[in-house]
């Protein structure tokens, strides 16, 4: 994330840079890395959750895609 410059005021601040792989339009699909960044866990944790069936994902064209809503549900279940 881009650090804020205290010398710049108001709307002149640059927009924060989204994590690698995160869709800039806030789309519903995330890849492994962006899912891990979003959930604040490692990519390995995301892969394990997919393999264990705790996180729904699809794999079109050999790349995992996770719906943001499914990731939110996974995170909520992990809090319990």
N, C-alpha and C. Protein backbone atom coordinates (compact mmCIF):
# COMPACT_ATOMS: atom_id res chain seq x y z
N UNK A 1 0.84 -1.17 0.00
CA UNK A 1 0.00 0.00 0.00
C UNK A 1 0.88 1.23 0.00
N UNK A 2 0.46 2.26 -0.72
CA UNK A 2 1.23 3.48 -0.83
C UNK A 2 1.10 4.29 0.45
N UNK A 3 2.23 4.68 1.06
CA UNK A 3 2.14 5.49 2.28
C UNK A 3 1.61 6.88 1.94
N UNK A 4 0.91 7.46 2.87
CA UNK A 4 0.36 8.81 2.70
C UNK A 4 1.47 9.84 2.87
N UNK A 5 1.40 10.88 2.07
CA UNK A 5 2.35 11.96 2.16
C UNK A 5 1.70 13.08 2.97
N UNK A 6 2.24 13.45 4.14
CA UNK A 6 1.61 14.48 4.96
C UNK A 6 1.63 15.86 4.32
N UNK A 7 2.46 16.05 3.29
CA UNK A 7 2.53 17.35 2.63
C UNK A 7 1.41 17.55 1.61
N UNK A 8 0.72 16.47 1.26
CA UNK A 8 -0.39 16.56 0.31
C UNK A 8 -1.68 16.53 1.10
N UNK A 9 -2.59 17.43 0.78
CA UNK A 9 -3.81 17.57 1.56
C UNK A 9 -5.03 17.19 0.72
N UNK A 10 -6.03 16.60 1.40
CA UNK A 10 -7.34 16.34 0.79
C UNK A 10 -7.33 15.37 -0.36
N UNK A 11 -8.06 15.73 -1.42
CA UNK A 11 -8.27 14.82 -2.53
C UNK A 11 -7.03 14.64 -3.41
N UNK A 12 -5.97 15.37 -3.13
CA UNK A 12 -4.75 15.21 -3.90
C UNK A 12 -4.01 13.93 -3.54
N UNK A 13 -4.40 13.28 -2.44
CA UNK A 13 -3.75 12.04 -2.03
C UNK A 13 -3.93 10.99 -3.14
N UNK A 14 -2.88 10.24 -3.47
CA UNK A 14 -3.03 9.19 -4.47
C UNK A 14 -3.91 8.05 -3.93
N UNK A 15 -4.61 7.40 -4.84
CA UNK A 15 -5.44 6.26 -4.45
C UNK A 15 -4.53 5.13 -4.01
N UNK A 16 -4.92 4.36 -2.98
CA UNK A 16 -4.10 3.23 -2.55
C UNK A 16 -4.01 2.19 -3.66
N UNK A 17 -2.87 1.54 -3.74
CA UNK A 17 -2.65 0.51 -4.75
C UNK A 17 -3.23 -0.80 -4.24
N UNK A 18 -4.09 -1.48 -5.03
CA UNK A 18 -4.65 -2.75 -4.57
C UNK A 18 -3.57 -3.82 -4.52
N UNK A 19 -3.74 -4.84 -3.66
CA UNK A 19 -2.78 -5.93 -3.60
C UNK A 19 -2.66 -6.63 -4.95
N UNK A 20 -1.55 -7.27 -5.18
CA UNK A 20 -1.30 -7.98 -6.43
C UNK A 20 -2.41 -8.98 -6.70
N UNK A 21 -2.96 -8.94 -7.90
CA UNK A 21 -3.98 -9.90 -8.30
C UNK A 21 -5.39 -9.48 -7.94
N UNK A 22 -5.56 -8.47 -7.13
CA UNK A 22 -6.90 -8.03 -6.75
C UNK A 22 -7.48 -7.23 -7.91
N UNK A 23 -8.71 -7.49 -8.26
CA UNK A 23 -9.33 -6.79 -9.36
C UNK A 23 -9.58 -5.34 -8.96
N UNK A 24 -9.10 -4.38 -9.78
CA UNK A 24 -9.24 -2.98 -9.39
C UNK A 24 -10.69 -2.52 -9.33
N UNK A 25 -11.58 -3.19 -10.06
CA UNK A 25 -12.98 -2.78 -10.04
C UNK A 25 -13.74 -3.42 -8.88
N UNK A 26 -13.04 -4.18 -8.04
CA UNK A 26 -13.70 -4.83 -6.91
C UNK A 26 -14.57 -5.99 -7.34
N UNK A 27 -14.21 -6.61 -8.47
CA UNK A 27 -14.97 -7.73 -9.01
C UNK A 27 -15.08 -8.88 -8.04
N UNK A 28 -15.98 -9.81 -8.33
CA UNK A 28 -16.25 -10.89 -7.38
C UNK A 28 -15.21 -12.00 -7.37
N UNK A 29 -14.36 -12.12 -8.38
CA UNK A 29 -13.42 -13.24 -8.47
C UNK A 29 -12.03 -12.84 -8.03
N UNK A 30 -11.41 -13.69 -7.21
CA UNK A 30 -10.05 -13.47 -6.73
C UNK A 30 -9.21 -14.70 -7.06
N UNK A 31 -7.90 -14.51 -7.22
CA UNK A 31 -7.01 -15.66 -7.37
C UNK A 31 -6.45 -16.03 -6.00
N UNK A 32 -5.55 -17.00 -5.97
CA UNK A 32 -5.00 -17.48 -4.68
C UNK A 32 -4.29 -16.37 -3.92
N UNK A 33 -3.42 -15.64 -4.60
CA UNK A 33 -2.62 -14.61 -3.93
C UNK A 33 -3.51 -13.47 -3.42
N UNK A 34 -4.42 -13.00 -4.25
CA UNK A 34 -5.28 -11.89 -3.82
C UNK A 34 -6.24 -12.35 -2.72
N UNK A 35 -6.66 -13.61 -2.76
CA UNK A 35 -7.50 -14.15 -1.69
C UNK A 35 -6.73 -14.17 -0.37
N UNK A 36 -5.47 -14.59 -0.44
CA UNK A 36 -4.64 -14.63 0.76
C UNK A 36 -4.43 -13.22 1.32
N UNK A 37 -4.18 -12.25 0.44
CA UNK A 37 -4.01 -10.86 0.88
C UNK A 37 -5.29 -10.34 1.52
N UNK A 38 -6.41 -10.62 0.90
CA UNK A 38 -7.71 -10.16 1.38
C UNK A 38 -8.02 -10.76 2.76
N UNK A 39 -7.70 -12.05 2.94
CA UNK A 39 -8.00 -12.74 4.20
C UNK A 39 -6.88 -12.61 5.23
N UNK A 40 -5.77 -12.00 4.83
CA UNK A 40 -4.61 -11.82 5.70
C UNK A 40 -4.07 -13.17 6.19
N UNK A 41 -3.96 -14.12 5.25
CA UNK A 41 -3.36 -15.42 5.51
C UNK A 41 -2.38 -15.72 4.38
N UNK A 42 -1.69 -16.83 4.48
CA UNK A 42 -0.74 -17.19 3.43
C UNK A 42 -1.47 -17.88 2.27
N UNK A 43 -0.90 -17.82 1.06
CA UNK A 43 -1.48 -18.55 -0.06
C UNK A 43 -1.60 -20.05 0.23
N UNK A 44 -0.68 -20.58 1.00
CA UNK A 44 -0.73 -22.00 1.35
C UNK A 44 -1.99 -22.33 2.15
N UNK A 45 -2.39 -21.43 3.04
CA UNK A 45 -3.62 -21.62 3.82
C UNK A 45 -4.83 -21.67 2.90
N UNK A 46 -4.86 -20.81 1.90
CA UNK A 46 -5.96 -20.80 0.93
C UNK A 46 -5.98 -22.11 0.16
N UNK A 47 -4.83 -22.56 -0.32
CA UNK A 47 -4.76 -23.83 -1.06
C UNK A 47 -5.22 -25.01 -0.20
N UNK A 48 -4.80 -25.03 1.04
CA UNK A 48 -5.22 -26.12 1.94
C UNK A 48 -6.73 -26.10 2.18
N UNK A 49 -7.29 -24.92 2.35
CA UNK A 49 -8.73 -24.81 2.57
C UNK A 49 -9.50 -25.30 1.34
N UNK A 50 -8.98 -25.03 0.15
CA UNK A 50 -9.62 -25.51 -1.07
C UNK A 50 -9.53 -27.03 -1.13
N UNK A 51 -8.35 -27.58 -0.86
CA UNK A 51 -8.15 -29.03 -0.90
C UNK A 51 -9.00 -29.75 0.14
N UNK A 52 -9.16 -29.15 1.32
CA UNK A 52 -9.95 -29.76 2.40
C UNK A 52 -11.45 -29.60 2.19
N UNK A 53 -11.84 -28.77 1.22
CA UNK A 53 -13.25 -28.54 0.96
C UNK A 53 -13.87 -27.48 1.85
N UNK A 54 -13.04 -26.75 2.60
CA UNK A 54 -13.56 -25.69 3.46
C UNK A 54 -13.81 -24.39 2.70
N UNK A 55 -13.20 -24.26 1.51
CA UNK A 55 -13.35 -23.06 0.69
C UNK A 55 -13.69 -23.48 -0.72
N UNK A 56 -14.82 -22.98 -1.21
CA UNK A 56 -15.23 -23.29 -2.58
C UNK A 56 -14.38 -22.50 -3.56
N UNK A 57 -14.00 -23.14 -4.65
CA UNK A 57 -13.22 -22.47 -5.69
C UNK A 57 -13.43 -23.21 -7.00
N UNK A 58 -13.16 -22.53 -8.10
CA UNK A 58 -13.21 -23.17 -9.41
C UNK A 58 -11.85 -22.99 -10.08
N UNK A 59 -11.59 -23.83 -11.06
CA UNK A 59 -10.27 -23.80 -11.68
C UNK A 59 -10.39 -23.78 -13.21
N UNK A 60 -10.91 -22.71 -13.78
CA UNK A 60 -10.93 -22.61 -15.23
C UNK A 60 -9.53 -22.23 -15.73
N UNK A 61 -9.10 -22.86 -16.79
CA UNK A 61 -7.81 -22.53 -17.41
C UNK A 61 -6.64 -22.67 -16.43
N UNK A 62 -6.70 -23.68 -15.57
CA UNK A 62 -5.60 -24.05 -14.67
C UNK A 62 -5.25 -22.99 -13.62
N UNK A 63 -6.10 -22.02 -13.39
CA UNK A 63 -5.87 -21.04 -12.33
C UNK A 63 -7.06 -21.05 -11.39
N UNK A 64 -6.80 -21.15 -10.09
CA UNK A 64 -7.87 -21.13 -9.11
C UNK A 64 -8.53 -19.76 -9.08
N UNK A 65 -9.86 -19.76 -9.00
CA UNK A 65 -10.64 -18.54 -8.85
C UNK A 65 -11.60 -18.74 -7.68
N UNK A 66 -11.65 -17.76 -6.80
CA UNK A 66 -12.47 -17.85 -5.60
C UNK A 66 -13.43 -16.65 -5.60
N UNK A 67 -14.69 -16.93 -5.39
CA UNK A 67 -15.66 -15.84 -5.26
C UNK A 67 -15.43 -15.12 -3.94
N UNK A 68 -15.47 -13.81 -3.99
CA UNK A 68 -15.26 -13.00 -2.79
C UNK A 68 -16.28 -13.37 -1.71
N UNK A 69 -17.52 -13.67 -2.11
CA UNK A 69 -18.56 -14.06 -1.14
C UNK A 69 -18.20 -15.37 -0.45
N UNK A 70 -17.63 -16.33 -1.21
CA UNK A 70 -17.21 -17.60 -0.61
C UNK A 70 -16.05 -17.39 0.34
N UNK A 71 -15.14 -16.49 -0.02
CA UNK A 71 -14.01 -16.19 0.86
C UNK A 71 -14.49 -15.51 2.14
N UNK A 72 -15.45 -14.61 2.02
CA UNK A 72 -16.03 -13.96 3.21
C UNK A 72 -16.68 -15.00 4.13
N UNK A 73 -17.40 -15.96 3.53
CA UNK A 73 -18.03 -17.02 4.33
C UNK A 73 -16.98 -17.89 5.02
N UNK A 74 -15.90 -18.20 4.30
CA UNK A 74 -14.80 -18.98 4.88
C UNK A 74 -14.19 -18.25 6.06
N UNK A 75 -13.95 -16.93 5.89
CA UNK A 75 -13.36 -16.14 6.96
C UNK A 75 -14.28 -16.07 8.17
N UNK A 76 -15.58 -15.93 7.92
CA UNK A 76 -16.55 -15.86 9.01
C UNK A 76 -16.59 -17.18 9.78
N UNK A 77 -16.53 -18.30 9.05
CA UNK A 77 -16.54 -19.63 9.70
C UNK A 77 -15.25 -19.85 10.50
N UNK A 78 -14.15 -19.29 10.04
CA UNK A 78 -12.87 -19.46 10.73
C UNK A 78 -12.84 -18.67 12.05
N UNK A 79 -13.66 -17.62 12.14
CA UNK A 79 -13.69 -16.80 13.36
C UNK A 79 -14.35 -17.54 14.52
N UNK A 80 -15.22 -18.50 14.22
CA UNK A 80 -15.97 -19.21 15.26
C UNK A 80 -15.10 -20.09 16.09
